[in-house]
Amino acid sequence: MRLKLSILISILVFGFAFSQSKEVLAVVENINKYSEAIDKDPKVIEYRFEVKGKDKTILYQYSKKGNEIVKISREWKEDRDNYTNTFTDYFLLKDGQRVYATQNIVYTNKSDAEDMGGWKCIFWINKSKVINMTSLGHGKTELDDWDYELELKDNFNYMLKTVKEFDKNRLAKIK
């Protein structure tokens, strides 16, 4: 009897875990399809601007479909002794909410301009929570104390505020 009960409980637990995975995979697939549709949509218009800081210039890019911001990214370089780090943050939005994000660092050798390596992390987001994540290379994912949820939220809020301010000023100049 115990064996039968154990088998039944195992089937239920693994069945539930598998159904959760199928649900997550379905959301990920829908996000990927949405991303492809936005990339191909001729109604999406792209904008660029730079923010000059004390020691770096950050290139912002954002895309709008009508009045809705659907993509935001930023990129900047930091020089080190023999190499340059290029940092990139990217967010895809749907109905004003984050649904997909990437963080990327590329290390480039200054002497021959060859990429020495890098790190990239991809996030699929549903209801403001990361539901799936993939990491390639060596980077922040190896740190035990990295709070990617908080970092994504903070980066997104800052980037969105910066883009909205630029866009408001851009529209004011048109009028």
N, C-alpha and C. Protein backbone atom coordinates (compact mmCIF):
# COMPACT_ATOMS: atom_id res chain seq x y z
N MET A 1 0.81 -1.20 0.00
CA MET A 1 0.00 0.00 0.00
C MET A 1 0.85 1.26 0.00
N ARG A 2 1.91 1.24 0.83
CA ARG A 2 2.81 2.39 0.89
C ARG A 2 3.49 2.62 -0.45
N LEU A 3 3.88 1.54 -1.08
CA LEU A 3 4.54 1.67 -2.37
C LEU A 3 3.61 2.31 -3.39
N LYS A 4 2.36 1.85 -3.43
CA LYS A 4 1.39 2.43 -4.36
C LYS A 4 1.17 3.91 -4.06
N LEU A 5 1.08 4.26 -2.78
CA LEU A 5 0.89 5.65 -2.38
C LEU A 5 2.10 6.50 -2.77
N SER A 6 3.29 5.97 -2.57
CA SER A 6 4.52 6.68 -2.95
C SER A 6 4.58 6.90 -4.45
N ILE A 7 4.21 5.89 -5.21
CA ILE A 7 4.22 6.03 -6.68
C ILE A 7 3.20 7.07 -7.11
N LEU A 8 2.01 7.03 -6.52
CA LEU A 8 0.97 7.99 -6.87
C LEU A 8 1.42 9.42 -6.54
N ILE A 9 2.00 9.62 -5.36
CA ILE A 9 2.48 10.95 -4.96
C ILE A 9 3.59 11.40 -5.91
N SER A 10 4.50 10.51 -6.26
CA SER A 10 5.59 10.85 -7.19
C SER A 10 5.04 11.28 -8.55
N ILE A 11 4.07 10.54 -9.04
CA ILE A 11 3.46 10.88 -10.34
C ILE A 11 2.80 12.25 -10.26
N LEU A 12 2.08 12.51 -9.18
CA LEU A 12 1.42 13.81 -9.04
C LEU A 12 2.44 14.94 -8.94
N VAL A 13 3.49 14.75 -8.14
CA VAL A 13 4.50 15.80 -7.97
C VAL A 13 5.21 16.05 -9.29
N PHE A 14 5.69 15.00 -9.95
CA PHE A 14 6.40 15.18 -11.22
C PHE A 14 5.47 15.68 -12.32
N GLY A 15 4.24 15.23 -12.31
CA GLY A 15 3.26 15.71 -13.28
C GLY A 15 3.01 17.19 -13.12
N PHE A 16 2.88 17.65 -11.87
CA PHE A 16 2.67 19.08 -11.61
C PHE A 16 3.90 19.87 -12.04
N ALA A 17 5.09 19.38 -11.70
CA ALA A 17 6.33 20.09 -12.08
C ALA A 17 6.44 20.17 -13.60
N PHE A 18 6.11 19.09 -14.29
CA PHE A 18 6.19 19.09 -15.75
C PHE A 18 5.18 20.05 -16.35
N SER A 19 3.97 20.10 -15.78
CA SER A 19 2.96 21.02 -16.32
C SER A 19 3.38 22.46 -16.11
N GLN A 20 4.05 22.77 -15.01
CA GLN A 20 4.57 24.11 -14.79
C GLN A 20 5.61 24.43 -15.86
N SER A 21 6.46 23.48 -16.17
CA SER A 21 7.48 23.69 -17.19
C SER A 21 6.84 23.92 -18.55
N LYS A 22 5.79 23.16 -18.85
CA LYS A 22 5.10 23.36 -20.13
C LYS A 22 4.47 24.74 -20.18
N GLU A 23 3.93 25.19 -19.05
CA GLU A 23 3.32 26.52 -18.99
C GLU A 23 4.37 27.61 -19.22
N VAL A 24 5.51 27.47 -18.56
CA VAL A 24 6.59 28.44 -18.73
C VAL A 24 7.08 28.43 -20.17
N LEU A 25 7.26 27.25 -20.74
CA LEU A 25 7.72 27.16 -22.13
C LEU A 25 6.72 27.81 -23.08
N ALA A 26 5.45 27.69 -22.81
CA ALA A 26 4.42 28.32 -23.65
C ALA A 26 4.52 29.85 -23.56
N VAL A 27 4.74 30.38 -22.36
CA VAL A 27 4.90 31.83 -22.19
C VAL A 27 6.16 32.30 -22.90
N VAL A 28 7.25 31.55 -22.74
CA VAL A 28 8.51 31.90 -23.42
C VAL A 28 8.31 31.92 -24.93
N GLU A 29 7.63 30.93 -25.45
CA GLU A 29 7.37 30.86 -26.90
C GLU A 29 6.54 32.06 -27.36
N ASN A 30 5.53 32.43 -26.59
CA ASN A 30 4.71 33.60 -26.94
C ASN A 30 5.53 34.89 -26.92
N ILE A 31 6.43 35.02 -25.95
CA ILE A 31 7.31 36.19 -25.89
C ILE A 31 8.22 36.21 -27.11
N ASN A 32 8.78 35.06 -27.48
CA ASN A 32 9.66 35.00 -28.65
C ASN A 32 8.91 35.38 -29.92
N LYS A 33 7.67 34.91 -30.06
CA LYS A 33 6.86 35.27 -31.23
C LYS A 33 6.56 36.76 -31.25
N TYR A 34 6.25 37.32 -30.09
CA TYR A 34 5.99 38.76 -29.99
C TYR A 34 7.24 39.55 -30.39
N SER A 35 8.40 39.12 -29.92
CA SER A 35 9.66 39.78 -30.26
C SER A 35 9.89 39.78 -31.78
N GLU A 36 9.68 38.64 -32.41
CA GLU A 36 9.83 38.54 -33.86
C GLU A 36 8.85 39.46 -34.58
N ALA A 37 7.62 39.52 -34.09
CA ALA A 37 6.59 40.37 -34.72
C ALA A 37 6.97 41.84 -34.61
N ILE A 38 7.47 42.25 -33.45
CA ILE A 38 7.90 43.65 -33.26
C ILE A 38 9.07 43.98 -34.19
N ASP A 39 10.02 43.05 -34.31
CA ASP A 39 11.18 43.28 -35.18
C ASP A 39 10.79 43.44 -36.64
N LYS A 40 9.72 42.78 -37.06
CA LYS A 40 9.29 42.83 -38.46
C LYS A 40 8.23 43.89 -38.73
N ASP A 41 7.68 44.48 -37.70
CA ASP A 41 6.55 45.40 -37.86
C ASP A 41 7.01 46.73 -38.49
N PRO A 42 6.49 47.09 -39.66
CA PRO A 42 6.91 48.34 -40.31
C PRO A 42 6.41 49.59 -39.59
N LYS A 43 5.46 49.44 -38.66
CA LYS A 43 4.95 50.58 -37.92
C LYS A 43 5.83 50.96 -36.73
N VAL A 44 6.83 50.13 -36.44
CA VAL A 44 7.74 50.40 -35.32
C VAL A 44 8.82 51.37 -35.81
N ILE A 45 8.96 52.47 -35.10
CA ILE A 45 9.94 53.51 -35.47
C ILE A 45 11.02 53.56 -34.39
N GLU A 46 12.28 53.64 -34.83
CA GLU A 46 13.41 53.63 -33.91
C GLU A 46 13.99 55.03 -33.74
N TYR A 47 14.45 55.30 -32.52
CA TYR A 47 15.05 56.58 -32.17
C TYR A 47 16.36 56.31 -31.43
N ARG A 48 17.29 57.28 -31.50
CA ARG A 48 18.58 57.16 -30.84
C ARG A 48 18.95 58.49 -30.21
N PHE A 49 19.66 58.41 -29.11
CA PHE A 49 20.25 59.61 -28.51
C PHE A 49 21.40 59.18 -27.60
N GLU A 50 22.25 60.14 -27.27
CA GLU A 50 23.39 59.87 -26.40
C GLU A 50 23.28 60.68 -25.13
N VAL A 51 23.76 60.10 -24.06
CA VAL A 51 23.87 60.79 -22.78
C VAL A 51 25.35 60.79 -22.43
N LYS A 52 25.93 62.00 -22.40
CA LYS A 52 27.36 62.13 -22.10
C LYS A 52 27.55 62.29 -20.60
N GLY A 53 28.38 61.43 -20.05
CA GLY A 53 28.70 61.48 -18.63
C GLY A 53 30.12 61.94 -18.43
N LYS A 54 30.57 61.91 -17.20
CA LYS A 54 31.93 62.36 -16.87
C LYS A 54 32.99 61.47 -17.52
N ASP A 55 32.76 60.16 -17.51
CA ASP A 55 33.79 59.25 -18.03
C ASP A 55 33.30 58.31 -19.13
N LYS A 56 32.04 58.49 -19.57
CA LYS A 56 31.54 57.63 -20.64
C LYS A 56 30.34 58.29 -21.31
N THR A 57 30.07 57.81 -22.52
CA THR A 57 28.89 58.23 -23.26
C THR A 57 28.02 57.00 -23.44
N ILE A 58 26.74 57.13 -23.10
CA ILE A 58 25.82 56.02 -23.21
C ILE A 58 24.90 56.26 -24.40
N LEU A 59 24.88 55.29 -25.31
CA LEU A 59 24.00 55.36 -26.46
C LEU A 59 22.69 54.66 -26.11
N TYR A 60 21.60 55.42 -26.18
CA TYR A 60 20.27 54.87 -25.97
C TYR A 60 19.59 54.68 -27.31
N GLN A 61 18.86 53.60 -27.42
CA GLN A 61 17.99 53.37 -28.58
C GLN A 61 16.65 52.92 -28.03
N TYR A 62 15.60 53.40 -28.67
CA TYR A 62 14.27 52.94 -28.28
C TYR A 62 13.39 52.90 -29.51
N SER A 63 12.37 52.07 -29.44
CA SER A 63 11.44 51.90 -30.55
C SER A 63 10.03 52.12 -30.03
N LYS A 64 9.23 52.76 -30.90
CA LYS A 64 7.83 53.02 -30.55
C LYS A 64 6.94 52.48 -31.66
N LYS A 65 5.81 51.98 -31.25
CA LYS A 65 4.74 51.61 -32.17
C LYS A 65 3.57 52.49 -31.78
N GLY A 66 3.31 53.49 -32.60
CA GLY A 66 2.33 54.50 -32.21
C GLY A 66 2.90 55.28 -31.05
N ASN A 67 2.16 55.37 -29.95
CA ASN A 67 2.65 56.07 -28.76
C ASN A 67 3.28 55.14 -27.74
N GLU A 68 3.30 53.86 -28.04
CA GLU A 68 3.80 52.87 -27.08
C GLU A 68 5.28 52.57 -27.31
N ILE A 69 6.08 52.66 -26.25
CA ILE A 69 7.48 52.26 -26.31
C ILE A 69 7.52 50.73 -26.24
N VAL A 70 8.16 50.10 -27.24
CA VAL A 70 8.19 48.64 -27.28
C VAL A 70 9.59 48.06 -27.08
N LYS A 71 10.63 48.89 -27.26
CA LYS A 71 12.00 48.42 -27.03
C LYS A 71 12.83 49.56 -26.46
N ILE A 72 13.75 49.20 -25.56
CA ILE A 72 14.71 50.15 -25.01
C ILE A 72 16.05 49.43 -24.91
N SER A 73 17.12 50.12 -25.31
CA SER A 73 18.45 49.55 -25.08
C SER A 73 19.43 50.68 -24.78
N ARG A 74 20.53 50.30 -24.18
CA ARG A 74 21.62 51.25 -23.95
C ARG A 74 22.93 50.49 -24.07
N GLU A 75 23.96 51.23 -24.48
CA GLU A 75 25.28 50.63 -24.66
C GLU A 75 26.34 51.65 -24.29
N TRP A 76 27.37 51.18 -23.63
CA TRP A 76 28.51 52.04 -23.31
C TRP A 76 29.77 51.20 -23.20
N LYS A 77 30.91 51.89 -23.32
CA LYS A 77 32.21 51.22 -23.26
C LYS A 77 32.98 51.73 -22.06
N GLU A 78 33.75 50.83 -21.48
CA GLU A 78 34.66 51.18 -20.39
C GLU A 78 36.03 50.65 -20.73
N ASP A 79 37.02 51.53 -20.74
CA ASP A 79 38.39 51.14 -21.04
C ASP A 79 39.07 50.56 -19.81
N ARG A 80 39.79 49.48 -20.02
CA ARG A 80 40.64 48.86 -19.01
C ARG A 80 42.07 48.93 -19.53
N ASP A 81 42.99 48.30 -18.86
CA ASP A 81 44.39 48.40 -19.28
C ASP A 81 44.61 47.98 -20.73
N ASN A 82 44.37 46.72 -21.05
CA ASN A 82 44.64 46.21 -22.39
C ASN A 82 43.38 45.85 -23.17
N TYR A 83 42.24 46.15 -22.62
CA TYR A 83 41.00 45.76 -23.29
C TYR A 83 39.90 46.78 -23.00
N THR A 84 38.82 46.65 -23.74
CA THR A 84 37.64 47.49 -23.57
C THR A 84 36.43 46.60 -23.29
N ASN A 85 35.66 46.98 -22.30
CA ASN A 85 34.40 46.29 -22.01
C ASN A 85 33.27 47.06 -22.67
N THR A 86 32.43 46.37 -23.44
CA THR A 86 31.23 46.98 -24.01
C THR A 86 30.03 46.36 -23.31
N PHE A 87 29.24 47.21 -22.65
CA PHE A 87 28.08 46.78 -21.89
C PHE A 87 26.81 47.12 -22.66
N THR A 88 25.86 46.21 -22.67
CA THR A 88 24.58 46.44 -23.33
C THR A 88 23.45 45.91 -22.45
N ASP A 89 22.42 46.73 -22.30
CA ASP A 89 21.17 46.32 -21.64
C ASP A 89 20.05 46.50 -22.65
N TYR A 90 19.13 45.56 -22.70
CA TYR A 90 18.02 45.61 -23.66
C TYR A 90 16.75 45.12 -22.98
N PHE A 91 15.64 45.82 -23.26
CA PHE A 91 14.34 45.40 -22.76
C PHE A 91 13.32 45.45 -23.88
N LEU A 92 12.49 44.43 -23.93
CA LEU A 92 11.33 44.39 -24.82
C LEU A 92 10.11 44.59 -23.94
N LEU A 93 9.20 45.48 -24.37
CA LEU A 93 8.02 45.80 -23.58
C LEU A 93 6.76 45.40 -24.34
N LYS A 94 5.78 45.00 -23.57
CA LYS A 94 4.46 44.73 -24.12
C LYS A 94 3.46 45.35 -23.15
N ASP A 95 2.64 46.24 -23.67
CA ASP A 95 1.68 46.97 -22.84
C ASP A 95 2.37 47.67 -21.67
N GLY A 96 3.56 48.22 -21.93
CA GLY A 96 4.30 48.98 -20.92
C GLY A 96 5.04 48.14 -19.90
N GLN A 97 4.98 46.82 -20.02
CA GLN A 97 5.63 45.92 -19.06
C GLN A 97 6.81 45.19 -19.71
N ARG A 98 7.82 44.93 -18.91
CA ARG A 98 8.97 44.14 -19.39
C ARG A 98 8.52 42.71 -19.66
N VAL A 99 8.90 42.16 -20.82
CA VAL A 99 8.62 40.76 -21.09
C VAL A 99 9.89 39.99 -21.46
N TYR A 100 10.94 40.72 -21.83
CA TYR A 100 12.18 40.08 -22.28
C TYR A 100 13.30 41.06 -22.01
N ALA A 101 14.45 40.55 -21.60
CA ALA A 101 15.60 41.41 -21.34
C ALA A 101 16.89 40.66 -21.62
N THR A 102 17.92 41.43 -21.98
CA THR A 102 19.26 40.85 -22.09
C THR A 102 20.26 41.79 -21.44
N GLN A 103 21.30 41.20 -20.89
CA GLN A 103 22.47 41.94 -20.45
C GLN A 103 23.65 41.29 -21.13
N ASN A 104 24.58 42.12 -21.58
CA ASN A 104 25.67 41.62 -22.38
C ASN A 104 26.94 42.39 -22.06
N ILE A 105 28.06 41.70 -21.96
CA ILE A 105 29.37 42.33 -21.83
C ILE A 105 30.30 41.65 -22.83
N VAL A 106 30.96 42.46 -23.67
CA VAL A 106 31.95 41.94 -24.62
C VAL A 106 33.30 42.54 -24.25
N TYR A 107 34.30 41.67 -24.12
CA TYR A 107 35.67 42.10 -23.82
C TYR A 107 36.46 42.12 -25.12
N THR A 108 37.01 43.27 -25.47
CA THR A 108 37.76 43.41 -26.72
C THR A 108 39.19 43.81 -26.41
N ASN A 109 40.14 43.09 -27.01
CA ASN A 109 41.55 43.38 -26.87
C ASN A 109 41.88 44.65 -27.63
N LYS A 110 42.49 45.63 -26.97
CA LYS A 110 42.79 46.91 -27.63
C LYS A 110 43.86 46.76 -28.72
N SER A 111 44.80 45.86 -28.56
CA SER A 111 45.91 45.77 -29.51
C SER A 111 45.49 45.26 -30.89
N ASP A 112 44.51 44.36 -30.95
CA ASP A 112 44.13 43.83 -32.26
C ASP A 112 42.62 43.91 -32.52
N ALA A 113 41.89 44.54 -31.63
CA ALA A 113 40.43 44.73 -31.75
C ALA A 113 39.67 43.40 -31.86
N GLU A 114 40.27 42.33 -31.39
CA GLU A 114 39.60 41.02 -31.38
C GLU A 114 38.77 40.89 -30.10
N ASP A 115 37.57 40.33 -30.25
CA ASP A 115 36.77 40.03 -29.07
C ASP A 115 37.44 38.90 -28.31
N MET A 116 37.69 39.14 -27.03
CA MET A 116 38.36 38.14 -26.20
C MET A 116 37.35 37.21 -25.53
N GLY A 117 36.13 37.59 -25.54
CA GLY A 117 35.11 36.78 -24.88
C GLY A 117 34.01 37.68 -24.38
N GLY A 118 33.21 37.13 -23.51
CA GLY A 118 32.14 37.95 -22.97
C GLY A 118 31.16 37.14 -22.16
N TRP A 119 30.06 37.79 -21.90
CA TRP A 119 29.01 37.21 -21.09
C TRP A 119 27.69 37.75 -21.59
N LYS A 120 26.67 36.90 -21.63
CA LYS A 120 25.33 37.33 -22.02
C LYS A 120 24.32 36.55 -21.20
N CYS A 121 23.33 37.29 -20.71
CA CYS A 121 22.26 36.66 -19.97
C CYS A 121 20.94 37.11 -20.58
N ILE A 122 20.06 36.16 -20.82
CA ILE A 122 18.75 36.42 -21.43
C ILE A 122 17.68 36.08 -20.41
N PHE A 123 16.69 36.97 -20.29
CA PHE A 123 15.62 36.80 -19.31
C PHE A 123 14.27 36.87 -20.01
N TRP A 124 13.39 35.95 -19.69
CA TRP A 124 11.99 36.02 -20.11
C TRP A 124 11.20 36.37 -18.86
N ILE A 125 10.32 37.36 -18.98
CA ILE A 125 9.67 37.93 -17.81
C ILE A 125 8.15 37.86 -17.99
N ASN A 126 7.46 37.46 -16.94
CA ASN A 126 6.01 37.42 -16.95
C ASN A 126 5.51 38.00 -15.63
N LYS A 127 4.67 39.01 -15.71
CA LYS A 127 4.10 39.65 -14.52
C LYS A 127 5.21 40.13 -13.59
N SER A 128 6.21 40.80 -14.17
CA SER A 128 7.34 41.41 -13.45
C SER A 128 8.26 40.41 -12.75
N LYS A 129 8.15 39.13 -13.09
CA LYS A 129 9.02 38.11 -12.50
C LYS A 129 9.74 37.35 -13.61
N VAL A 130 11.03 37.10 -13.41
CA VAL A 130 11.78 36.30 -14.36
C VAL A 130 11.27 34.87 -14.27
N ILE A 131 10.85 34.33 -15.43
CA ILE A 131 10.33 32.95 -15.44
C ILE A 131 11.31 31.99 -16.09
N ASN A 132 12.25 32.53 -16.86
CA ASN A 132 13.25 31.68 -17.51
C ASN A 132 14.49 32.54 -17.75
N MET A 133 15.66 31.92 -17.67
CA MET A 133 16.91 32.65 -17.82
C MET A 133 17.94 31.74 -18.47
N THR A 134 18.72 32.32 -19.37
CA THR A 134 19.82 31.58 -20.01
C THR A 134 21.07 32.44 -19.92
N SER A 135 22.19 31.84 -19.58
CA SER A 135 23.44 32.59 -19.47
C SER A 135 24.52 31.91 -20.29
N LEU A 136 25.31 32.73 -20.98
CA LEU A 136 26.42 32.23 -21.79
C LEU A 136 27.69 32.98 -21.39
N GLY A 137 28.78 32.27 -21.19
CA GLY A 137 30.04 32.90 -20.84
C GLY A 137 30.19 33.06 -19.34
N HIS A 138 31.22 33.82 -18.97
CA HIS A 138 31.52 34.05 -17.55
C HIS A 138 31.14 35.47 -17.19
N GLY A 139 30.34 35.62 -16.14
CA GLY A 139 29.89 36.94 -15.73
C GLY A 139 29.15 36.90 -14.42
N LYS A 140 28.17 37.80 -14.29
CA LYS A 140 27.45 37.99 -13.04
C LYS A 140 26.73 36.74 -12.55
N THR A 141 26.31 35.86 -13.46
CA THR A 141 25.57 34.67 -13.04
C THR A 141 26.41 33.75 -12.15
N GLU A 142 27.70 33.96 -12.14
CA GLU A 142 28.56 33.15 -11.29
C GLU A 142 28.67 33.70 -9.87
N LEU A 143 28.11 34.89 -9.64
CA LEU A 143 28.15 35.49 -8.32
C LEU A 143 26.97 35.01 -7.48
N ASP A 144 27.25 34.53 -6.28
CA ASP A 144 26.19 34.01 -5.40
C ASP A 144 25.23 35.10 -4.94
N ASP A 145 25.72 36.33 -4.84
CA ASP A 145 24.89 37.40 -4.29
C ASP A 145 24.25 38.30 -5.35
N TRP A 146 24.27 37.90 -6.62
CA TRP A 146 23.70 38.73 -7.68
C TRP A 146 22.18 38.65 -7.63
N ASP A 147 21.54 39.77 -7.40
CA ASP A 147 20.08 39.85 -7.36
C ASP A 147 19.62 40.37 -8.72
N TYR A 148 19.48 39.46 -9.67
CA TYR A 148 19.14 39.87 -11.04
C TYR A 148 17.76 40.49 -11.13
N GLU A 149 16.82 40.03 -10.30
CA GLU A 149 15.47 40.61 -10.32
C GLU A 149 15.54 42.10 -9.98
N LEU A 150 16.25 42.45 -8.92
CA LEU A 150 16.38 43.83 -8.49
C LEU A 150 17.16 44.65 -9.53
N GLU A 151 18.23 44.09 -10.04
CA GLU A 151 19.04 44.81 -11.03
C GLU A 151 18.24 45.08 -12.30
N LEU A 152 17.50 44.10 -12.77
CA LEU A 152 16.67 44.31 -13.96
C LEU A 152 15.62 45.39 -13.72
N LYS A 153 14.98 45.33 -12.58
CA LYS A 153 13.96 46.33 -12.24
C LYS A 153 14.56 47.73 -12.19
N ASP A 154 15.69 47.87 -11.48
CA ASP A 154 16.33 49.18 -11.36
C ASP A 154 16.82 49.70 -12.71
N ASN A 155 17.46 48.84 -13.49
CA ASN A 155 17.94 49.24 -14.82
C ASN A 155 16.77 49.67 -15.71
N PHE A 156 15.71 48.88 -15.71
CA PHE A 156 14.55 49.19 -16.53
C PHE A 156 13.93 50.52 -16.13
N ASN A 157 13.71 50.72 -14.84
CA ASN A 157 13.09 51.96 -14.38
C ASN A 157 13.93 53.18 -14.76
N TYR A 158 15.24 53.08 -14.59
CA TYR A 158 16.13 54.19 -14.94
C TYR A 158 16.12 54.44 -16.44
N MET A 159 16.23 53.38 -17.22
CA MET A 159 16.25 53.52 -18.67
C MET A 159 14.92 54.07 -19.19
N LEU A 160 13.82 53.57 -18.68
CA LEU A 160 12.51 54.03 -19.12
C LEU A 160 12.33 55.52 -18.79
N LYS A 161 12.74 55.93 -17.60
CA LYS A 161 12.65 57.34 -17.21
C LYS A 161 13.49 58.20 -18.16
N THR A 162 14.70 57.77 -18.47
CA THR A 162 15.58 58.52 -19.36
C THR A 162 14.99 58.62 -20.76
N VAL A 163 14.47 57.52 -21.27
CA VAL A 163 13.87 57.51 -22.61
C VAL A 163 12.62 58.36 -22.66
N LYS A 164 11.76 58.25 -21.66
CA LYS A 164 10.53 59.04 -21.65
C LYS A 164 10.83 60.54 -21.60
N GLU A 165 11.84 60.93 -20.84
CA GLU A 165 12.22 62.34 -20.77
C GLU A 165 12.72 62.82 -22.14
N PHE A 166 13.58 62.04 -22.78
CA PHE A 166 14.07 62.41 -24.11
C PHE A 166 12.91 62.49 -25.10
N ASP A 167 12.02 61.50 -25.06
CA ASP A 167 10.92 61.45 -26.00
C ASP A 167 9.97 62.64 -25.79
N LYS A 168 9.74 63.00 -24.55
CA LYS A 168 8.89 64.16 -24.25
C LYS A 168 9.52 65.42 -24.85
N ASN A 169 10.81 65.60 -24.68
CA ASN A 169 11.50 66.76 -25.24
C ASN A 169 11.51 66.72 -26.77
N ARG A 170 11.68 65.54 -27.33
CA ARG A 170 11.66 65.38 -28.80
C ARG A 170 10.30 65.81 -29.36
N LEU A 171 9.24 65.35 -28.72
CA LEU A 171 7.89 65.69 -29.18
C LEU A 171 7.59 67.18 -28.99
N ALA A 172 8.12 67.78 -27.92
CA ALA A 172 7.89 69.21 -27.69
C ALA A 172 8.55 70.05 -28.79
N LYS A 173 9.69 69.61 -29.30
CA LYS A 173 10.38 70.33 -30.38
C LYS A 173 9.62 70.24 -31.70
N ILE A 174 8.89 69.16 -31.87
CA ILE A 174 8.13 68.97 -33.12
C ILE A 174 6.92 69.90 -33.17
N LYS A 175 6.32 70.14 -32.02
CA LYS A 175 5.09 70.96 -31.97
C LYS A 175 5.33 72.40 -32.23
